[in-house]
Amino acid sequence: MVSVAVDVQGPEKVLPYLEKADAKFVTLIDQINLLSGLFGFKAVPNGLLIDESGILNYQKYSGFDVRRREFREIVETWIEGASAEWLLSRMKEDVMGGPDHQKAIRLFQIGVDYYNQGKLKESLEEWGRARDLEPDNWVIRKQIWAVQNPEKFYDGKVDGNWQQHQIEQGT
């Protein structure tokens, strides 16, 4: 099992959460939102079950949580050798990507390049363009929020109420 954290600010922001969760599996850090460009998702958490041959057997974008019985059952049954038909019957319909998704991801990645050069103003401008192009992309939106308001994300608990307020305000 491998997890992937999407965080432009890097491993130092993710590690405290992994330590708190006492994670026993590898976590990769996707600082440029590469996987969203490849798989077309706009929010996390996501679940992808890929077998040892590299075949994608199951995918659920947004809302996948192995603490929930329904998803834990899918993973456990997949490990035991679930049929393709069984897995297919458990997949939810997800809207992925869209006509502007790849352009939004590219703008986000340009912003990451600026961010890594210490050019915060330019990075936020590119990320803003990406957000405006694809307003329902919560991965991009949350990265902007986390850089601008780290206290809402990295001081122990993520402030969900604050995020909900941002959504309601359209920021």
C-alpha atoms as a PDB file:
ATOM      1  CA  MET A   1       0.000   0.000   0.000  1.00  0.00           C
ATOM      2  CA  VAL A   2       1.256   3.429  -0.936  1.00  0.00           C
ATOM      3  CA  SER A   3      -0.324   6.759  -0.139  1.00  0.00           C
ATOM      4  CA  VAL A   4       0.253  10.032  -1.914  1.00  0.00           C
ATOM      5  CA  ALA A   5      -0.023  13.434  -0.280  1.00  0.00           C
ATOM      6  CA  VAL A   6      -0.546  16.429  -2.533  1.00  0.00           C
ATOM      7  CA  ASP A   7       1.221  19.365  -0.910  1.00  0.00           C
ATOM      8  CA  VAL A   8       3.250  21.999  -2.715  1.00  0.00           C
ATOM      9  CA  GLN A   9       5.060  22.859   0.529  1.00  0.00           C
ATOM     10  CA  GLY A  10       6.642  19.422   0.701  1.00  0.00           C
ATOM     11  CA  PRO A  11       7.326  16.612   3.132  1.00  0.00           C
ATOM     12  CA  GLU A  12       7.889  18.790   6.194  1.00  0.00           C
ATOM     13  CA  LYS A  13       4.199  19.743   6.120  1.00  0.00           C
ATOM     14  CA  VAL A  14       3.016  16.160   5.614  1.00  0.00           C
ATOM     15  CA  LEU A  15       5.264  14.277   8.057  1.00  0.00           C
ATOM     16  CA  PRO A  16       3.533  15.388  11.281  1.00  0.00           C
ATOM     17  CA  TYR A  17       0.233  13.941  10.007  1.00  0.00           C
ATOM     18  CA  LEU A  18       1.882  10.657   9.035  1.00  0.00           C
ATOM     19  CA  GLU A  19       3.533  10.411  12.436  1.00  0.00           C
ATOM     20  CA  LYS A  20       0.257  11.169  14.214  1.00  0.00           C
ATOM     21  CA  ALA A  21      -1.525   8.498  12.146  1.00  0.00           C
ATOM     22  CA  ASP A  22       1.329   6.040  12.852  1.00  0.00           C
ATOM     23  CA  ALA A  23       1.295   5.178   9.141  1.00  0.00           C
ATOM     24  CA  LYS A  24       2.956   1.845   8.361  1.00  0.00           C
ATOM     25  CA  PHE A  25       3.135   2.345   4.618  1.00  0.00           C
ATOM     26  CA  VAL A  26       5.110   4.492   2.194  1.00  0.00           C
ATOM     27  CA  THR A  27       3.779   7.964   1.456  1.00  0.00           C
ATOM     28  CA  LEU A  28       4.912   9.797  -1.651  1.00  0.00           C
ATOM     29  CA  ILE A  29       4.669  13.585  -1.889  1.00  0.00           C
ATOM     30  CA  ASP A  30       3.226  15.012  -5.103  1.00  0.00           C
ATOM     31  CA  GLN A  31       4.345  18.646  -4.937  1.00  0.00           C
ATOM     32  CA  ILE A  32       3.320  19.513  -8.502  1.00  0.00           C
ATOM     33  CA  ASN A  33      -0.098  17.802  -8.640  1.00  0.00           C
ATOM     34  CA  LEU A  34       1.192  15.400 -11.282  1.00  0.00           C
ATOM     35  CA  LEU A  35      -1.295  12.651 -10.431  1.00  0.00           C
ATOM     36  CA  SER A  36      -4.259  14.953 -10.934  1.00  0.00           C
ATOM     37  CA  GLY A  37      -2.986  15.617 -14.434  1.00  0.00           C
ATOM     38  CA  LEU A  38      -2.619  11.893 -15.086  1.00  0.00           C
ATOM     39  CA  PHE A  39      -5.864  10.674 -13.513  1.00  0.00           C
ATOM     40  CA  GLY A  40      -8.069  13.752 -13.824  1.00  0.00           C
ATOM     41  CA  PHE A  41      -9.147  14.117 -10.207  1.00  0.00           C
ATOM     42  CA  LYS A  42      -9.985  17.465  -8.620  1.00  0.00           C
ATOM     43  CA  ALA A  43     -10.234  16.520  -4.961  1.00  0.00           C
ATOM     44  CA  VAL A  44      -8.743  14.089  -2.459  1.00  0.00           C
ATOM     45  CA  PRO A  45      -8.766  11.524  -0.953  1.00  0.00           C
ATOM     46  CA  ASN A  46      -8.806   9.095  -3.859  1.00  0.00           C
ATOM     47  CA  GLY A  47      -8.455   5.342  -4.034  1.00  0.00           C
ATOM     48  CA  LEU A  48      -6.793   3.459  -6.859  1.00  0.00           C
ATOM     49  CA  LEU A  49      -6.213  -0.271  -6.751  1.00  0.00           C
ATOM     50  CA  ILE A  50      -3.424  -1.236  -9.144  1.00  0.00           C
ATOM     51  CA  ASP A  51      -2.322  -4.857  -9.336  1.00  0.00           C
ATOM     52  CA  GLU A  52       1.216  -6.215  -9.564  1.00  0.00           C
ATOM     53  CA  SER A  53       0.992  -6.113 -13.380  1.00  0.00           C
ATOM     54  CA  GLY A  54       0.241  -2.389 -13.312  1.00  0.00           C
ATOM     55  CA  ILE A  55      -3.429  -2.844 -14.231  1.00  0.00           C
ATOM     56  CA  LEU A  56      -5.839  -0.323 -12.722  1.00  0.00           C
ATOM     57  CA  ASN A  57      -8.576  -2.499 -11.176  1.00  0.00           C
ATOM     58  CA  TYR A  58     -10.595   0.093  -9.280  1.00  0.00           C
ATOM     59  CA  GLN A  59     -10.787   3.850  -8.957  1.00  0.00           C
ATOM     60  CA  LYS A  60     -12.773   6.187  -6.745  1.00  0.00           C
ATOM     61  CA  TYR A  61     -12.061   9.889  -6.879  1.00  0.00           C
ATOM     62  CA  SER A  62     -12.890  12.108  -3.930  1.00  0.00           C
ATOM     63  CA  GLY A  63     -14.185  10.684  -0.702  1.00  0.00           C
ATOM     64  CA  PHE A  64     -12.269   7.401  -0.640  1.00  0.00           C
ATOM     65  CA  ASP A  65     -11.551   6.552   3.002  1.00  0.00           C
ATOM     66  CA  VAL A  66     -10.436   3.095   4.161  1.00  0.00           C
ATOM     67  CA  ARG A  67     -11.807   3.885   7.623  1.00  0.00           C
ATOM     68  CA  ARG A  68     -15.288   3.591   6.085  1.00  0.00           C
ATOM     69  CA  ARG A  69     -16.563   0.015   5.991  1.00  0.00           C
ATOM     70  CA  GLU A  70     -17.637   0.142   2.336  1.00  0.00           C
ATOM     71  CA  PHE A  71     -14.147   1.106   1.123  1.00  0.00           C
ATOM     72  CA  ARG A  72     -12.319  -1.189   3.557  1.00  0.00           C
ATOM     73  CA  GLU A  73     -14.451  -4.065   2.188  1.00  0.00           C
ATOM     74  CA  ILE A  74     -13.484  -3.177  -1.376  1.00  0.00           C
ATOM     75  CA  VAL A  75      -9.762  -3.173  -0.534  1.00  0.00           C
ATOM     76  CA  GLU A  76      -9.953  -6.404   1.475  1.00  0.00           C
ATOM     77  CA  THR A  77     -11.973  -8.201  -1.213  1.00  0.00           C
ATOM     78  CA  TRP A  78      -9.595  -6.923  -3.909  1.00  0.00           C
ATOM     79  CA  ILE A  79      -6.617  -8.294  -1.947  1.00  0.00           C
ATOM     80  CA  GLU A  80      -8.406 -11.651  -1.734  1.00  0.00           C
ATOM     81  CA  GLY A  81      -8.820 -11.714  -5.523  1.00  0.00           C
ATOM     82  CA  ALA A  82     -12.083  -9.965  -6.377  1.00  0.00           C
ATOM     83  CA  SER A  83     -13.341 -10.379  -9.908  1.00  0.00           C
ATOM     84  CA  ALA A  84     -13.257  -7.464 -12.330  1.00  0.00           C
ATOM     85  CA  GLU A  85     -17.063  -7.571 -12.462  1.00  0.00           C
ATOM     86  CA  TRP A  86     -17.336  -7.274  -8.658  1.00  0.00           C
ATOM     87  CA  LEU A  87     -14.939  -4.309  -8.585  1.00  0.00           C
ATOM     88  CA  LEU A  88     -16.708  -2.621 -11.490  1.00  0.00           C
ATOM     89  CA  SER A  89     -20.029  -2.933  -9.667  1.00  0.00           C
ATOM     90  CA  ARG A  90     -18.525  -1.052  -6.687  1.00  0.00           C
ATOM     91  CA  MET A  91     -17.097   1.866  -8.660  1.00  0.00           C
ATOM     92  CA  LYS A  92     -18.952   5.129  -8.346  1.00  0.00           C
ATOM     93  CA  GLU A  93     -19.506   7.486 -11.229  1.00  0.00           C
ATOM     94  CA  ASP A  94     -17.037  10.318 -10.953  1.00  0.00           C
ATOM     95  CA  VAL A  95     -16.718  13.401 -13.085  1.00  0.00           C
ATOM     96  CA  MET A  96     -13.059  13.596 -13.961  1.00  0.00           C
ATOM     97  CA  GLY A  97     -11.096  16.221 -15.697  1.00  0.00           C
ATOM     98  CA  GLY A  98     -12.962  18.375 -18.119  1.00  0.00           C
ATOM     99  CA  PRO A  99     -11.968  20.503 -21.089  1.00  0.00           C
ATOM    100  CA  ASP A 100      -9.752  22.849 -19.053  1.00  0.00           C
ATOM    101  CA  HIS A 101      -8.282  20.328 -16.611  1.00  0.00           C
ATOM    102  CA  GLN A 102      -4.900  19.844 -18.279  1.00  0.00           C
ATOM    103  CA  LYS A 103      -4.444  23.594 -18.770  1.00  0.00           C
ATOM    104  CA  ALA A 104      -5.313  24.213 -15.102  1.00  0.00           C
ATOM    105  CA  ILE A 105      -2.798  21.563 -13.998  1.00  0.00           C
ATOM    106  CA  ARG A 106      -0.115  23.117 -16.201  1.00  0.00           C
ATOM    107  CA  LEU A 107      -0.767  26.578 -14.729  1.00  0.00           C
ATOM    108  CA  PHE A 108      -0.579  25.057 -11.257  1.00  0.00           C
ATOM    109  CA  GLN A 109       2.756  23.441 -12.107  1.00  0.00           C
ATOM    110  CA  ILE A 110       4.115  26.746 -13.442  1.00  0.00           C
ATOM    111  CA  GLY A 111       3.088  28.243 -10.092  1.00  0.00           C
ATOM    112  CA  VAL A 112       4.982  25.478  -8.288  1.00  0.00           C
ATOM    113  CA  ASP A 113       8.099  26.371 -10.273  1.00  0.00           C
ATOM    114  CA  TYR A 114       7.718  29.997  -9.159  1.00  0.00           C
ATOM    115  CA  TYR A 115       7.065  28.880  -5.570  1.00  0.00           C
ATOM    116  CA  ASN A 116      10.259  26.789  -5.562  1.00  0.00           C
ATOM    117  CA  GLN A 117      12.179  29.854  -6.800  1.00  0.00           C
ATOM    118  CA  GLY A 118      10.850  31.878  -3.868  1.00  0.00           C
ATOM    119  CA  LYS A 119       8.518  33.913  -6.098  1.00  0.00           C
ATOM    120  CA  LEU A 120       5.367  33.698  -3.987  1.00  0.00           C
ATOM    121  CA  LYS A 121       3.485  36.515  -5.733  1.00  0.00           C
ATOM    122  CA  GLU A 122       3.989  34.935  -9.167  1.00  0.00           C
ATOM    123  CA  SER A 123       3.131  31.458  -7.906  1.00  0.00           C
ATOM    124  CA  LEU A 124      -0.132  32.691  -6.360  1.00  0.00           C
ATOM    125  CA  GLU A 125      -1.001  34.470  -9.624  1.00  0.00           C
ATOM    126  CA  GLU A 126      -0.552  31.239 -11.627  1.00  0.00           C
ATOM    127  CA  TRP A 127      -2.456  29.204  -9.056  1.00  0.00           C
ATOM    128  CA  GLY A 128      -5.235  31.797  -9.144  1.00  0.00           C
ATOM    129  CA  ARG A 129      -5.436  31.436 -12.929  1.00  0.00           C
ATOM    130  CA  ALA A 130      -5.623  27.656 -12.520  1.00  0.00           C
ATOM    131  CA  ARG A 131      -8.361  27.982  -9.865  1.00  0.00           C
ATOM    132  CA  ASP A 132     -10.330  30.399 -12.053  1.00  0.00           C
ATOM    133  CA  LEU A 133     -10.049  28.049 -15.022  1.00  0.00           C
ATOM    134  CA  GLU A 134     -11.270  25.069 -12.996  1.00  0.00           C
ATOM    135  CA  PRO A 135     -13.118  26.394  -9.915  1.00  0.00           C
ATOM    136  CA  ASP A 136     -14.210  22.949  -8.760  1.00  0.00           C
ATOM    137  CA  ASN A 137     -10.612  21.717  -8.475  1.00  0.00           C
ATOM    138  CA  TRP A 138     -10.258  21.437  -4.690  1.00  0.00           C
ATOM    139  CA  VAL A 139      -6.670  20.210  -4.864  1.00  0.00           C
ATOM    140  CA  ILE A 140      -5.572  23.499  -6.431  1.00  0.00           C
ATOM    141  CA  ARG A 141      -7.824  25.603  -4.210  1.00  0.00           C
ATOM    142  CA  LYS A 142      -6.572  23.962  -1.001  1.00  0.00           C
ATOM    143  CA  GLN A 143      -2.938  24.448  -1.983  1.00  0.00           C
ATOM    144  CA  ILE A 144      -3.577  28.178  -2.368  1.00  0.00           C
ATOM    145  CA  TRP A 145      -5.345  28.284   1.001  1.00  0.00           C
ATOM    146  CA  ALA A 146      -2.573  26.301   2.715  1.00  0.00           C
ATOM    147  CA  VAL A 147       0.181  28.596   1.430  1.00  0.00           C
ATOM    148  CA  GLN A 148      -1.749  31.757   2.293  1.00  0.00           C
ATOM    149  CA  ASN A 149      -3.136  30.487   5.629  1.00  0.00           C
ATOM    150  CA  PRO A 150      -0.784  27.810   7.005  1.00  0.00           C
ATOM    151  CA  GLU A 151      -2.260  28.147  10.500  1.00  0.00           C
ATOM    152  CA  LYS A 152      -5.533  26.710   9.144  1.00  0.00           C
ATOM    153  CA  PHE A 153      -3.777  23.560   7.909  1.00  0.00           C
ATOM    154  CA  TYR A 154      -0.581  22.843   9.795  1.00  0.00           C
ATOM    155  CA  ASP A 155      -1.165  23.714  13.450  1.00  0.00           C
ATOM    156  CA  GLY A 156      -2.395  20.292  14.469  1.00  0.00           C
ATOM    157  CA  LYS A 157      -5.854  19.983  12.960  1.00  0.00           C
ATOM    158  CA  VAL A 158      -7.081  21.142   9.565  1.00  0.00           C
ATOM    159  CA  ASP A 159      -9.760  23.793  10.105  1.00  0.00           C
ATOM    160  CA  GLY A 160     -12.718  22.393   8.162  1.00  0.00           C
ATOM    161  CA  ASN A 161     -15.061  25.150   9.335  1.00  0.00           C
ATOM    162  CA  TRP A 162     -12.716  27.789   7.929  1.00  0.00           C
ATOM    163  CA  GLN A 163     -12.550  25.884   4.613  1.00  0.00           C
ATOM    164  CA  GLN A 164     -16.342  25.682   4.465  1.00  0.00           C
ATOM    165  CA  HIS A 165     -16.509  29.440   5.023  1.00  0.00           C
ATOM    166  CA  GLN A 166     -14.030  29.969   2.149  1.00  0.00           C
ATOM    167  CA  ILE A 167     -16.220  27.825  -0.108  1.00  0.00           C
ATOM    168  CA  GLU A 168     -19.307  29.816   0.839  1.00  0.00           C
ATOM    169  CA  GLN A 169     -17.432  33.062   0.142  1.00  0.00           C
ATOM    170  CA  GLY A 170     -16.233  31.759  -3.226  1.00  0.00           C
ATOM    171  CA  THR A 171     -12.533  32.220  -2.465  1.00  0.00           C
END
